[in-house]
């Protein structure tokens, strides 16, 4: 795999670092990152004029991906494909970030009582070789009971523990596992503009999807709490959360057979309602290059100001996902997926009286305890990726 000089601007060049060597000049590349998808993925393609593969190129090999001098992803190679057709030899590489092993592998089996979030996370990920862990929350609560069953994936166990604290797991570009949430007080990092007269436009394409599927006017959580050594069981727990933006009567009832309190049931109903609302609006914007006008790489977790006269949009949206793409003879561009601001994991950073320090990527938690009670007992259920 030769090291060549790419014709793209230096800060747009995509590099693969493998066994201490840098490889560039791809015929095509795609680098994905999505907060709702457990493992960020990448794919690189190039021709092999001499038909030789480097000895270090092996499935499972550790790699880093950079754009310019900025680290984008740390992970491993999943697939290696080399094809010969009409005398031409081509190579395709695919891989994912550090979440891949958590998605693919089963969780260690254990049962814990009165376990902290840090203890649960360590029990899940350290046996799988992950040691860089950061919990971005000043306060977390103990779970009364955590029981992992055979076959539960490590990712589902980790995700359920994070969600019980009103948080979410992801991997930083350097490979650090972070349990935290977005900071909706952080100012927008850029503006996306689409005017009818073309003045100041910086968007190649803007696609809006509005949907009623999966939206609900009200969600009712019915539950009960099992008794413990410290308190008696509770029955007939009922909480109703309503979404006034849904004008049609669309009710949903959810049964929760192990909810510890009325507050926990209310948090569950509120989360389900916001999850449904999250699906109701999606903006997909295609822009040139991989950076904002200030030179920042587009990164999930950023907040963007969107002005589109044809769509009658003028507001702030949350960057949920992005895809870098380009290659030899192809324009470098980024596809941005935006969602309604403030609807995804909203309780990770409750509002403060004064603004905090600037945060990177998906931000650090403030000093207030997370809003969802983590004391609820749960038994993770495996789901597909």
Protein backbone atom coordinates (compact mmCIF):
# COMPACT_ATOMS: atom_id res chain seq x y z
CA UNK A 1 0.00 0.00 0.00
CA UNK A 2 2.07 2.98 -1.21
CA UNK A 3 2.22 6.31 0.54
CA UNK A 4 1.30 8.94 -2.03
CA UNK A 5 0.46 12.61 -1.99
CA UNK A 6 -3.27 13.30 -2.30
CA UNK A 7 -4.43 16.13 -4.55
CA UNK A 8 -6.92 17.25 -1.88
CA UNK A 9 -6.06 20.14 0.47
CA UNK A 10 -3.78 19.03 3.31
CA UNK A 11 -6.46 19.41 5.98
CA UNK A 12 -8.83 17.18 3.94
CA UNK A 13 -6.43 14.29 3.31
CA UNK A 14 -7.63 10.98 4.81
CA UNK A 15 -4.83 8.89 6.31
CA UNK A 16 -4.74 5.35 7.66
CA UNK A 17 -2.08 4.67 10.31
CA UNK A 18 -1.17 0.98 10.37
CA UNK A 19 1.85 -0.49 12.18
CA UNK A 20 3.55 2.90 12.35
CA UNK A 21 3.12 3.72 8.64
CA UNK A 22 0.83 6.26 6.98
CA UNK A 23 -1.22 5.35 3.90
CA UNK A 24 -3.16 7.82 1.74
CA UNK A 25 -4.43 8.53 -1.80
CA UNK A 26 -7.60 6.41 -1.69
CA UNK A 27 -9.70 5.86 -4.79
CA UNK A 28 -12.71 6.19 -2.46
CA UNK A 29 -13.41 6.47 1.27
CA UNK A 30 -16.35 6.66 3.65
CA UNK A 31 -16.06 7.43 7.39
CA UNK A 32 -19.30 7.16 9.36
CA UNK A 33 -20.17 8.32 12.87
CA UNK A 34 -23.67 8.06 14.34
CA UNK A 35 -24.71 8.53 17.96
CA UNK A 36 -27.56 6.04 17.50
CA UNK A 37 -25.36 3.33 15.98
CA UNK A 38 -23.10 1.56 18.51
CA UNK A 39 -19.98 1.15 16.34
CA UNK A 40 -18.74 3.87 13.98
CA UNK A 41 -17.61 2.35 10.68
CA UNK A 42 -15.18 3.15 7.86
CA UNK A 43 -14.35 1.87 4.37
CA UNK A 44 -11.32 2.61 2.18
CA UNK A 45 -10.54 1.52 -1.38
CA UNK A 46 -7.47 1.84 -3.59
CA UNK A 47 -5.69 0.19 -6.49
CA UNK A 48 -2.53 -1.88 -6.05
CA UNK A 49 -0.19 -1.19 -9.00
CA UNK A 50 2.43 -3.67 -7.73
CA UNK A 51 -0.13 -6.17 -6.47
CA UNK A 52 1.47 -6.51 -3.03
CA UNK A 53 -0.19 -6.29 0.36
CA UNK A 54 1.83 -5.04 3.35
CA UNK A 55 2.58 -7.84 5.85
CA UNK A 56 1.01 -5.78 8.65
CA UNK A 57 -2.32 -5.69 6.82
CA UNK A 58 -4.29 -8.31 8.73
CA UNK A 59 -7.89 -8.57 9.86
CA UNK A 60 -8.10 -7.42 13.47
CA UNK A 61 -5.09 -5.10 13.12
CA UNK A 62 -5.26 -1.87 15.14
CA UNK A 63 -5.54 1.32 13.06
CA UNK A 64 -6.06 5.05 13.36
CA UNK A 65 -7.88 7.24 10.84
CA UNK A 66 -7.05 10.91 10.46
CA UNK A 67 -8.22 13.82 8.36
CA UNK A 68 -5.36 16.25 8.07
CA UNK A 69 -3.78 16.32 11.52
CA UNK A 70 -7.06 15.52 13.32
CA UNK A 71 -7.67 12.05 14.72
CA UNK A 72 -11.09 10.82 13.57
CA UNK A 73 -11.27 7.22 14.76
CA UNK A 74 -9.31 4.50 16.54
CA UNK A 75 -10.32 0.91 15.88
CA UNK A 76 -9.55 -2.31 14.08
CA UNK A 77 -9.79 -3.76 10.58
CA UNK A 78 -12.82 -6.01 10.12
CA UNK A 79 -12.66 -7.01 6.45
CA UNK A 80 -9.94 -7.16 3.81
CA UNK A 81 -10.96 -7.70 0.19
CA UNK A 82 -8.55 -7.78 -2.72
CA UNK A 83 -9.86 -8.48 -6.20
CA UNK A 84 -8.18 -8.94 -9.56
CA UNK A 85 -10.20 -8.11 -12.65
CA UNK A 86 -8.97 -7.40 -16.18
CA UNK A 87 -5.42 -7.23 -14.85
CA UNK A 88 -6.24 -4.62 -12.21
CA UNK A 89 -5.68 -5.39 -8.53
CA UNK A 90 -7.85 -3.47 -6.03
CA UNK A 91 -8.04 -3.45 -2.25
CA UNK A 92 -11.02 -2.69 0.01
CA UNK A 93 -10.65 -2.27 3.77
CA UNK A 94 -13.51 -2.03 6.27
CA UNK A 95 -13.47 -1.57 10.01
CA UNK A 96 -15.13 -0.12 13.09
CA UNK A 97 -14.16 1.75 16.23
CA UNK A 98 -13.73 0.37 19.77
CA UNK A 99 -17.45 -0.34 20.19
CA UNK A 100 -17.19 -3.23 17.69
CA UNK A 101 -16.08 -5.78 20.27
CA UNK A 102 -18.93 -4.74 22.58
CA UNK A 103 -21.48 -5.17 19.79
CA UNK A 104 -20.08 -8.50 18.57
CA UNK A 105 -19.30 -10.22 21.87
CA UNK A 106 -21.36 -11.43 24.80
CA UNK A 107 -21.21 -9.64 28.11
CA UNK A 108 -19.43 -11.28 31.03
CA UNK A 109 -22.08 -12.98 33.16
CA UNK A 110 -22.45 -11.50 36.63
CA UNK A 111 -24.96 -10.41 39.26
CA UNK A 112 -24.34 -7.36 41.42
CA UNK A 113 -26.28 -5.58 44.14
CA UNK A 114 -25.90 -1.92 45.04
CA UNK A 115 -23.43 -1.51 42.18
CA UNK A 116 -22.24 1.88 40.98
CA UNK A 117 -22.20 2.77 37.30
CA UNK A 118 -18.39 2.73 37.30
CA UNK A 119 -18.38 -0.80 38.74
CA UNK A 120 -20.87 -2.08 36.17
CA UNK A 121 -18.97 -0.52 33.27
CA UNK A 122 -15.67 -1.98 34.47
CA UNK A 123 -17.22 -5.45 34.91
CA UNK A 124 -18.50 -5.35 31.32
CA UNK A 125 -15.65 -3.83 29.30
CA UNK A 126 -12.38 -4.63 31.07
CA UNK A 127 -12.55 -8.40 30.39
CA UNK A 128 -12.84 -7.47 26.69
CA UNK A 129 -9.59 -5.51 26.78
CA UNK A 130 -10.93 -1.94 27.10
CA UNK A 131 -9.13 0.10 29.74
CA UNK A 132 -9.64 3.76 28.74
CA UNK A 133 -12.93 4.68 30.42
CA UNK A 134 -14.38 8.06 31.40
CA UNK A 135 -17.72 8.70 33.07
CA UNK A 136 -18.82 12.25 32.34
CA UNK A 137 -21.16 12.69 35.29
CA UNK A 138 -20.32 14.26 38.62
CA UNK A 139 -22.90 12.06 40.35
CA UNK A 140 -24.38 8.66 39.50
CA UNK A 141 -26.64 6.41 41.50
CA UNK A 142 -26.24 2.78 42.52
CA UNK A 143 -28.35 0.05 40.92
CA UNK A 144 -30.16 -2.12 43.45
CA UNK A 145 -29.57 -5.19 41.31
CA UNK A 146 -27.89 -5.92 37.97
CA UNK A 147 -28.23 -9.37 36.50
CA UNK A 148 -26.57 -10.26 33.18
CA UNK A 149 -27.93 -13.35 31.47
CA UNK A 150 -26.05 -15.68 29.08
CA UNK A 151 -26.19 -14.30 25.56
CA UNK A 152 -26.64 -10.64 26.53
CA UNK A 153 -24.29 -8.55 24.40
CA UNK A 154 -21.72 -6.38 26.12
CA UNK A 155 -23.09 -3.31 24.34
CA UNK A 156 -26.66 -3.90 25.56
CA UNK A 157 -25.49 -4.38 29.14
CA UNK A 158 -23.42 -1.21 28.95
CA UNK A 159 -26.18 0.79 27.25
CA UNK A 160 -28.81 -0.25 29.80
CA UNK A 161 -26.54 0.74 32.68
CA UNK A 162 -25.89 4.12 31.06
CA UNK A 163 -29.58 4.75 30.28
CA UNK A 164 -30.53 3.94 33.87
CA UNK A 165 -28.46 7.03 34.75
CA UNK A 166 -29.86 9.16 31.91
CA UNK A 167 -26.58 8.83 29.98
CA UNK A 168 -25.29 7.20 26.79
CA UNK A 169 -22.04 5.39 25.82
CA UNK A 170 -19.79 6.29 22.87
CA UNK A 171 -16.11 6.17 21.90
CA UNK A 172 -13.89 9.21 21.48
CA UNK A 173 -11.50 9.31 18.47
CA UNK A 174 -8.58 8.26 20.72
CA UNK A 175 -10.43 5.08 21.73
CA UNK A 176 -11.69 6.24 25.14
CA UNK A 177 -15.08 4.87 26.17
CA UNK A 178 -17.20 7.73 27.49
CA UNK A 179 -20.48 7.49 29.39
CA UNK A 180 -22.14 10.89 29.20
CA UNK A 181 -24.52 12.98 27.15
CA UNK A 182 -24.90 16.05 24.94
CA UNK A 183 -24.62 19.59 26.27
CA UNK A 184 -27.49 21.58 24.80
CA UNK A 185 -26.14 24.78 26.35
CA UNK A 186 -23.08 24.69 24.11
CA UNK A 187 -23.43 27.34 21.34
CA UNK A 188 -23.82 26.31 17.68
CA UNK A 189 -20.47 25.77 15.94
CA UNK A 190 -21.60 26.74 12.43
CA UNK A 191 -24.51 27.83 10.23
CA UNK A 192 -25.97 25.96 7.28
CA UNK A 193 -27.50 28.42 4.82
CA UNK A 194 -29.85 27.83 1.89
CA UNK A 195 -31.42 31.00 0.46
CA UNK A 196 -33.50 31.31 -2.68
CA UNK A 197 -31.22 33.97 -4.15
CA UNK A 198 -28.11 31.90 -3.40
CA UNK A 199 -26.52 34.62 -1.27
CA UNK A 200 -24.18 32.98 1.26
CA UNK A 201 -25.36 29.44 0.49
CA UNK A 202 -23.04 26.72 1.77
CA UNK A 203 -25.31 23.68 1.45
CA UNK A 204 -25.20 21.47 -1.64
CA UNK A 205 -28.40 19.60 -0.70
CA UNK A 206 -30.90 19.80 2.15
CA UNK A 207 -33.46 17.04 2.60
CA UNK A 208 -36.19 17.21 5.26
CA UNK A 209 -38.33 14.30 6.43
CA UNK A 210 -41.29 14.76 8.76
CA UNK A 211 -43.07 11.65 9.99
CA UNK A 212 -46.00 10.69 12.18
CA UNK A 213 -44.97 7.02 12.29
CA UNK A 214 -43.82 6.17 15.79
CA UNK A 215 -45.14 9.44 17.29
CA UNK A 216 -47.58 9.37 20.20
CA UNK A 217 -49.85 11.96 21.77
CA UNK A 218 -49.47 10.27 25.13
CA UNK A 219 -47.49 7.43 26.66
CA UNK A 220 -48.68 5.61 29.76
CA UNK A 221 -46.29 3.54 31.86
CA UNK A 222 -47.93 0.94 34.11
CA UNK A 223 -45.61 -0.77 36.53
CA UNK A 224 -44.92 -2.46 39.79
CA UNK A 225 -41.92 -2.69 42.09
CA UNK A 226 -40.69 -5.87 43.73
CA UNK A 227 -40.08 -5.79 47.42
CA UNK A 228 -36.61 -5.83 48.94
CA UNK A 229 -35.03 -6.16 52.35
CA UNK A 230 -35.39 -2.41 52.78
CA UNK A 231 -38.89 -1.74 51.43
CA UNK A 232 -42.14 -3.43 50.50
CA UNK A 233 -43.23 -3.95 46.92
CA UNK A 234 -45.42 -1.42 45.16
CA UNK A 235 -48.28 -2.01 42.76
CA UNK A 236 -50.53 0.03 40.49
CA UNK A 237 -47.81 2.53 39.51
CA UNK A 238 -49.15 4.69 36.67
CA UNK A 239 -47.64 7.68 34.88
CA UNK A 240 -48.91 9.50 31.77
CA UNK A 241 -46.72 11.82 29.65
CA UNK A 242 -48.27 13.84 26.81
CA UNK A 243 -46.85 15.43 23.65
CA UNK A 244 -48.87 18.51 22.72
CA UNK A 245 -47.19 18.72 19.30
CA UNK A 246 -49.08 15.58 18.18
CA UNK A 247 -52.57 16.83 17.28
CA UNK A 248 -54.05 13.36 16.60
CA UNK A 249 -54.96 11.07 19.50
CA UNK A 250 -52.26 8.37 19.37
CA UNK A 251 -51.92 6.61 22.75
CA UNK A 252 -49.37 3.99 23.77
CA UNK A 253 -49.30 1.89 26.95
CA UNK A 254 -46.04 0.36 28.20
CA UNK A 255 -45.83 -2.28 30.91
CA UNK A 256 -42.83 -2.16 33.26
CA UNK A 257 -42.76 -5.11 35.64
CA UNK A 258 -39.82 -3.88 37.68
CA UNK A 259 -39.89 -0.11 38.20
CA UNK A 260 -38.77 1.04 41.63
CA UNK A 261 -40.79 4.22 42.07
CA UNK A 262 -43.21 6.70 40.60
CA UNK A 263 -40.25 8.94 39.71
CA UNK A 264 -38.56 6.12 37.80
CA UNK A 265 -41.81 5.40 35.91
CA UNK A 266 -42.14 9.09 35.06
CA UNK A 267 -38.56 9.18 33.78
CA UNK A 268 -39.25 6.10 31.64
CA UNK A 269 -42.40 7.63 30.13
CA UNK A 270 -40.63 10.93 29.46
CA UNK A 271 -37.75 9.17 27.71
CA UNK A 272 -40.09 7.06 25.56
CA UNK A 273 -41.99 10.16 24.50
CA UNK A 274 -38.80 12.00 23.54
CA UNK A 275 -37.45 8.93 21.71
CA UNK A 276 -40.63 8.92 19.64
CA UNK A 277 -40.34 12.65 19.01
CA UNK A 278 -36.74 12.20 17.90
CA UNK A 279 -37.96 10.09 14.97
CA UNK A 280 -40.46 12.72 13.86
CA UNK A 281 -38.02 15.11 12.17
CA UNK A 282 -34.80 14.54 10.24
CA UNK A 283 -32.71 16.98 8.24
CA UNK A 284 -29.99 15.66 5.94
CA UNK A 285 -27.57 18.25 4.64
CA UNK A 286 -24.73 17.68 2.19
CA UNK A 287 -21.86 20.18 2.37
CA UNK A 288 -18.51 20.51 0.61
CA UNK A 289 -15.41 19.35 2.43
CA UNK A 290 -15.18 17.94 5.94
CA UNK A 291 -14.92 21.08 8.04
CA UNK A 292 -16.94 24.09 9.09
CA UNK A 293 -15.90 27.59 8.02
CA UNK A 294 -13.90 27.79 11.28
CA UNK A 295 -11.91 24.68 10.39
CA UNK A 296 -13.67 22.31 12.81
CA UNK A 297 -14.31 18.76 11.65
CA UNK A 298 -18.01 17.96 11.57
CA UNK A 299 -18.60 15.80 14.67
CA UNK A 300 -21.78 14.22 16.08
CA UNK A 301 -22.85 16.09 19.20
CA UNK A 302 -22.36 19.55 17.70
CA UNK A 303 -25.24 22.03 17.49
CA UNK A 304 -25.78 23.83 14.18
CA UNK A 305 -27.84 26.82 13.12
CA UNK A 306 -29.90 26.02 10.02
CA UNK A 307 -31.39 28.72 7.78
CA UNK A 308 -33.37 27.40 4.81
CA UNK A 309 -35.78 29.78 3.14
CA UNK A 310 -37.39 27.12 0.90
CA UNK A 311 -38.11 24.94 3.96
CA UNK A 312 -39.07 27.91 6.17
CA UNK A 313 -36.44 26.81 8.71
CA UNK A 314 -34.51 29.14 10.98
CA UNK A 315 -33.35 27.43 14.16
CA UNK A 316 -30.81 25.30 16.00
CA UNK A 317 -30.52 21.57 15.37
CA UNK A 318 -28.49 18.74 16.87
CA UNK A 319 -25.93 16.89 14.75
CA UNK A 320 -26.75 13.21 15.30
CA UNK A 321 -24.58 11.67 12.56
CA UNK A 322 -22.12 12.50 9.81
CA UNK A 323 -20.51 10.71 6.87
CA UNK A 324 -17.26 11.82 5.25
CA UNK A 325 -16.80 10.67 1.66
CA UNK A 326 -14.49 11.34 -1.27
CA UNK A 327 -11.52 9.90 -3.10
CA UNK A 328 -9.42 10.24 -6.22
CA UNK A 329 -11.41 12.20 -8.79
CA UNK A 330 -14.33 12.61 -6.39
CA UNK A 331 -15.28 15.72 -4.42
CA UNK A 332 -14.71 15.67 -0.66
CA UNK A 333 -18.07 16.14 1.01
CA UNK A 334 -19.92 15.47 4.25
CA UNK A 335 -23.47 14.31 4.82
CA UNK A 336 -24.91 15.67 8.07
CA UNK A 337 -27.93 14.14 9.82
CA UNK A 338 -29.67 16.62 12.11
CA UNK A 339 -32.40 16.13 14.69
CA UNK A 340 -34.61 18.36 16.80
CA UNK A 341 -32.46 20.07 19.41
CA UNK A 342 -32.86 18.99 23.03
CA UNK A 343 -34.73 15.72 22.47
CA UNK A 344 -31.93 13.11 22.70
CA UNK A 345 -30.73 12.22 26.24
CA UNK A 346 -31.88 15.61 27.51
CA UNK A 347 -31.34 14.94 31.22
CA UNK A 348 -27.59 14.28 31.03
CA UNK A 349 -26.84 18.01 31.44
CA UNK A 350 -29.61 19.79 33.40
CA UNK A 351 -29.62 23.53 32.93
CA UNK A 352 -27.18 25.51 35.07
CA UNK A 353 -27.39 29.07 36.31
CA UNK A 354 -24.17 30.03 34.53
CA UNK A 355 -22.49 28.68 31.42
CA UNK A 356 -19.71 26.16 31.85
CA UNK A 357 -16.48 25.62 29.99
CA UNK A 358 -16.50 24.70 26.32
CA UNK A 359 -16.86 20.96 25.75
CA UNK A 360 -15.48 18.66 23.08
CA UNK A 361 -17.50 16.23 20.95
CA UNK A 362 -20.48 15.15 23.09
CA UNK A 363 -19.44 17.15 26.17
CA UNK A 364 -18.87 16.58 29.87
CA UNK A 365 -21.57 16.29 32.52
CA UNK A 366 -22.22 19.10 35.01
CA UNK A 367 -22.34 18.88 38.78
CA UNK A 368 -26.02 18.06 39.07
CA UNK A 369 -27.03 14.42 39.50
CA UNK A 370 -28.65 12.79 36.48
CA UNK A 371 -32.42 12.90 36.45
CA UNK A 372 -33.28 9.26 35.83
CA UNK A 373 -33.18 6.96 38.86
CA UNK A 374 -30.44 4.40 38.38
CA UNK A 375 -31.59 2.38 41.35
CA UNK A 376 -34.00 0.37 39.22
CA UNK A 377 -33.29 -3.34 38.78
CA UNK A 378 -32.86 -4.49 35.22
CA UNK A 379 -31.89 -7.53 33.22
CA UNK A 380 -30.48 -6.46 29.82
CA UNK A 381 -32.13 -7.92 26.74
CA UNK A 382 -29.97 -8.42 23.67
CA UNK A 383 -30.94 -6.63 20.49
CA UNK A 384 -29.46 -6.63 17.04
CA UNK A 385 -27.18 -3.86 15.93
